[in-house]
Every structure is written in structure tokens, then in C-alpha cells.
N, C-alpha and C. Protein backbone atom coordinates (compact mmCIF):
# COMPACT_ATOMS: atom_id res chain seq x y z
N MET A 1 12.66 -17.69 80.35
CA MET A 1 12.72 -18.16 81.64
C MET A 1 12.84 -16.92 82.61
N MET A 2 12.17 -17.03 83.77
CA MET A 2 12.11 -16.04 84.66
C MET A 2 13.25 -16.15 85.69
N SER A 3 14.07 -15.19 86.08
CA SER A 3 15.10 -15.47 87.11
C SER A 3 14.53 -14.91 88.44
N THR A 4 14.59 -15.41 89.50
CA THR A 4 14.11 -14.87 90.71
C THR A 4 15.59 -14.72 91.55
N LYS A 5 15.65 -13.57 92.27
CA LYS A 5 16.78 -13.36 93.17
C LYS A 5 16.53 -13.89 94.63
N GLN A 6 17.33 -14.80 95.07
CA GLN A 6 17.04 -15.31 96.42
C GLN A 6 17.70 -14.32 97.46
N ASN A 7 17.05 -14.50 98.48
CA ASN A 7 17.57 -13.69 99.76
C ASN A 7 18.80 -14.34 100.20
N GLU A 8 19.95 -13.60 100.24
CA GLU A 8 21.26 -14.04 100.51
C GLU A 8 21.48 -14.00 101.90
N GLU A 9 20.58 -13.53 102.72
CA GLU A 9 20.78 -13.49 104.17
C GLU A 9 20.84 -14.77 104.81
N ALA A 10 21.73 -14.99 105.81
CA ALA A 10 21.83 -16.26 106.37
C ALA A 10 20.58 -16.36 107.39
N TRP A 11 19.93 -17.62 107.23
CA TRP A 11 18.88 -17.81 108.23
C TRP A 11 19.56 -18.38 109.57
N ASP A 12 19.31 -17.68 110.57
CA ASP A 12 19.90 -17.98 111.78
C ASP A 12 18.89 -18.36 112.91
N PHE A 13 18.24 -19.39 112.79
CA PHE A 13 17.16 -19.92 113.67
C PHE A 13 17.73 -20.69 114.86
N PRO A 14 17.65 -20.46 116.08
CA PRO A 14 18.08 -21.27 117.13
C PRO A 14 17.35 -22.61 117.15
N ALA A 15 17.98 -23.62 117.38
CA ALA A 15 17.30 -24.93 117.51
C ALA A 15 16.32 -24.83 118.62
N ALA A 16 15.18 -25.36 118.30
CA ALA A 16 14.01 -25.38 119.39
C ALA A 16 14.41 -26.41 120.52
N SER A 17 15.12 -27.42 120.12
CA SER A 17 15.76 -28.51 121.12
C SER A 17 16.73 -29.24 120.57
N PRO A 18 17.77 -29.37 121.20
CA PRO A 18 18.73 -30.13 120.67
C PRO A 18 18.71 -31.62 120.27
N THR A 19 17.46 -32.09 121.13
CA THR A 19 17.30 -33.46 121.04
C THR A 19 15.95 -33.72 120.29
N ARG A 20 15.31 -32.84 119.84
CA ARG A 20 14.15 -33.09 118.94
C ARG A 20 14.00 -32.10 117.87
N PRO A 21 14.74 -32.30 116.82
CA PRO A 21 14.72 -31.30 115.74
C PRO A 21 13.42 -31.41 114.88
N ASP A 22 12.63 -32.63 114.93
CA ASP A 22 11.59 -32.88 114.01
C ASP A 22 10.29 -32.68 114.89
N TRP A 23 9.70 -31.58 114.81
CA TRP A 23 8.41 -31.32 115.49
C TRP A 23 7.19 -32.05 114.91
N HIS A 24 7.31 -32.49 113.71
CA HIS A 24 6.05 -33.45 113.14
C HIS A 24 6.26 -34.63 113.94
N THR A 25 7.28 -35.18 114.11
CA THR A 25 7.45 -36.58 114.84
C THR A 25 7.01 -36.25 116.37
N ALA A 26 7.37 -35.17 116.98
CA ALA A 26 6.85 -34.97 118.31
C ALA A 26 5.44 -34.95 118.42
N ARG A 27 4.85 -34.19 117.49
CA ARG A 27 3.43 -34.10 117.33
C ARG A 27 2.85 -35.43 117.42
N PHE A 28 3.14 -36.38 116.43
CA PHE A 28 2.70 -37.66 116.13
C PHE A 28 2.84 -38.44 117.60
N VAL A 29 4.06 -38.21 118.18
CA VAL A 29 4.33 -39.01 119.47
C VAL A 29 3.36 -38.60 120.55
N ARG A 30 3.02 -37.38 120.53
CA ARG A 30 2.11 -36.88 121.78
C ARG A 30 0.79 -37.38 121.45
N GLN A 31 0.39 -37.47 120.12
CA GLN A 31 -0.94 -38.06 119.80
C GLN A 31 -1.12 -39.38 120.16
N GLY A 32 0.06 -40.19 119.82
CA GLY A 32 0.14 -41.53 120.07
C GLY A 32 0.16 -41.89 121.62
N ILE A 33 0.70 -40.97 122.43
CA ILE A 33 0.45 -41.16 123.98
C ILE A 33 -0.86 -41.00 124.30
N ARG A 34 -1.50 -39.92 123.87
CA ARG A 34 -2.86 -39.66 124.19
C ARG A 34 -3.70 -40.87 123.86
N MET A 35 -3.70 -41.31 122.61
CA MET A 35 -4.33 -42.44 122.03
C MET A 35 -4.10 -43.74 122.98
N GLN A 36 -2.81 -43.94 123.44
CA GLN A 36 -2.65 -45.05 124.36
C GLN A 36 -3.47 -44.86 125.63
N GLN A 37 -3.70 -43.81 126.14
CA GLN A 37 -4.42 -43.59 127.46
C GLN A 37 -5.93 -43.74 127.17
N THR A 38 -6.46 -43.61 126.05
CA THR A 38 -7.84 -43.70 125.74
C THR A 38 -8.17 -45.05 125.00
N HIS A 39 -7.43 -45.44 124.06
CA HIS A 39 -7.71 -46.65 123.25
C HIS A 39 -6.87 -47.87 123.55
N GLY A 40 -5.78 -47.71 124.34
CA GLY A 40 -4.88 -48.80 124.62
C GLY A 40 -3.55 -48.73 123.68
N THR A 41 -2.62 -49.63 124.21
CA THR A 41 -1.26 -49.54 123.66
C THR A 41 -1.21 -50.14 122.14
N GLY A 42 -2.15 -51.16 121.88
CA GLY A 42 -2.08 -51.65 120.44
C GLY A 42 -2.49 -50.67 119.56
N TYR A 43 -3.53 -49.92 119.82
CA TYR A 43 -4.00 -48.84 118.95
C TYR A 43 -3.07 -47.80 118.71
N ALA A 44 -2.43 -47.38 119.73
CA ALA A 44 -1.30 -46.41 119.77
C ALA A 44 -0.26 -46.80 118.94
N ALA A 45 0.26 -47.99 119.21
CA ALA A 45 1.40 -48.65 118.42
C ALA A 45 1.09 -48.55 116.99
N ALA A 46 -0.15 -49.02 116.45
CA ALA A 46 -0.53 -49.03 115.09
C ALA A 46 -0.62 -47.66 114.45
N PHE A 47 -0.96 -46.71 115.32
CA PHE A 47 -0.99 -45.13 114.81
C PHE A 47 0.37 -44.78 114.59
N LEU A 48 1.38 -45.03 115.61
CA LEU A 48 2.58 -44.60 115.43
C LEU A 48 3.38 -45.25 114.28
N LYS A 49 3.02 -46.59 113.98
CA LYS A 49 3.64 -47.43 112.86
C LYS A 49 3.20 -46.80 111.50
N ASN A 50 1.89 -46.35 111.43
CA ASN A 50 1.26 -45.70 110.40
C ASN A 50 1.96 -44.32 110.06
N ARG A 51 2.38 -43.79 111.10
CA ARG A 51 2.97 -42.36 110.85
C ARG A 51 4.50 -42.40 110.70
N ARG A 52 4.93 -43.82 110.47
CA ARG A 52 6.46 -44.18 110.35
C ARG A 52 7.21 -43.64 111.33
N ILE A 53 6.74 -43.55 112.62
CA ILE A 53 7.63 -43.32 113.66
C ILE A 53 8.57 -44.53 113.91
N ASP A 54 9.81 -44.31 114.18
CA ASP A 54 10.86 -45.19 114.39
C ASP A 54 10.39 -46.26 115.58
N ILE A 55 10.69 -47.52 115.43
CA ILE A 55 10.20 -48.59 116.42
C ILE A 55 10.75 -48.34 117.73
N ASP A 56 12.02 -47.79 117.78
CA ASP A 56 12.69 -47.64 119.02
C ASP A 56 11.86 -46.45 119.79
N ILE A 57 11.62 -45.47 119.13
CA ILE A 57 10.93 -44.28 119.72
C ILE A 57 9.52 -44.81 120.22
N ALA A 58 8.71 -45.45 119.31
CA ALA A 58 7.60 -45.98 119.74
C ALA A 58 7.60 -46.94 121.07
N LEU A 59 8.47 -47.75 121.00
CA LEU A 59 8.58 -48.71 122.28
C LEU A 59 8.91 -47.86 123.48
N ARG A 60 9.85 -47.02 123.37
CA ARG A 60 10.19 -46.29 124.52
C ARG A 60 9.01 -45.39 125.04
N VAL A 61 8.31 -44.68 124.08
CA VAL A 61 7.30 -43.85 124.67
C VAL A 61 5.91 -44.54 125.13
N LEU A 62 5.81 -45.70 124.53
CA LEU A 62 4.55 -46.50 124.89
C LEU A 62 4.84 -47.42 126.10
N LEU A 63 6.01 -48.02 126.18
CA LEU A 63 6.32 -49.04 127.10
C LEU A 63 7.18 -48.56 128.26
N GLN A 64 7.80 -47.45 128.18
CA GLN A 64 8.54 -46.85 129.26
C GLN A 64 8.28 -45.37 129.52
N PRO A 65 7.16 -45.13 130.08
CA PRO A 65 6.77 -43.66 130.33
C PRO A 65 7.78 -42.89 131.04
N SER A 66 8.53 -43.35 131.90
CA SER A 66 9.47 -42.66 132.67
C SER A 66 10.64 -42.16 131.86
N ARG A 67 10.78 -42.71 130.59
CA ARG A 67 11.96 -42.36 129.72
C ARG A 67 11.44 -41.45 128.57
N ARG A 68 10.12 -40.92 128.60
CA ARG A 68 9.64 -40.08 127.69
C ARG A 68 10.15 -38.62 127.86
N ARG A 69 10.31 -37.90 126.82
CA ARG A 69 10.82 -36.60 126.77
C ARG A 69 9.83 -35.52 127.23
N ASN A 70 10.12 -34.70 128.19
CA ASN A 70 8.98 -33.75 128.58
C ASN A 70 9.44 -32.24 128.19
N TYR A 71 8.72 -31.79 126.99
CA TYR A 71 9.14 -30.71 126.55
C TYR A 71 8.26 -29.36 127.02
N ASP A 72 7.06 -29.83 127.33
CA ASP A 72 5.96 -28.88 127.89
C ASP A 72 4.98 -29.67 128.58
N SER A 73 4.15 -28.94 129.38
CA SER A 73 3.08 -29.55 130.19
C SER A 73 1.75 -29.88 129.33
N ARG A 74 1.79 -29.80 127.98
CA ARG A 74 0.58 -30.17 127.38
C ARG A 74 0.31 -31.61 127.40
């Protein structure tokens, strides 16, 4: 059995955002919003559901645009 020495240095990465630690989810949400603009709310909702985005998040971003989080201008 081969032994590997792990780096014992502490990983000290600052949080990218205290309210959105999951950037995969953020990416899917942005895609869903773009899909809503081009294909409609039903299509975007199905996309977010298939990506296992929490229903509360999907409802907020699709039905209440004023409550969306704005991290960048993309």
C-alpha cells in the first residue's frame, strides 16, 4: 500500500460571498433567468427543477426579480 503525505498547511480561502457559497447553484440560477427571458417562465422553472435548485430559490428568482441577488453585471 502506497502512503501519500498530505499537505498539512491550512487552506485559508476567503468566502467569495457570505450569502452564496455554492457557485454551481449560482450558475444554474443565472442560466434559468436567461432562459426565462428567451423561453418563458415554465421552461426556466423546468430547467431549475431538473438542476435540483430549491423551490424557494426558483420561485424567488423567477417570480420576484426585485429580490434577486446581484453579484455582478453579467
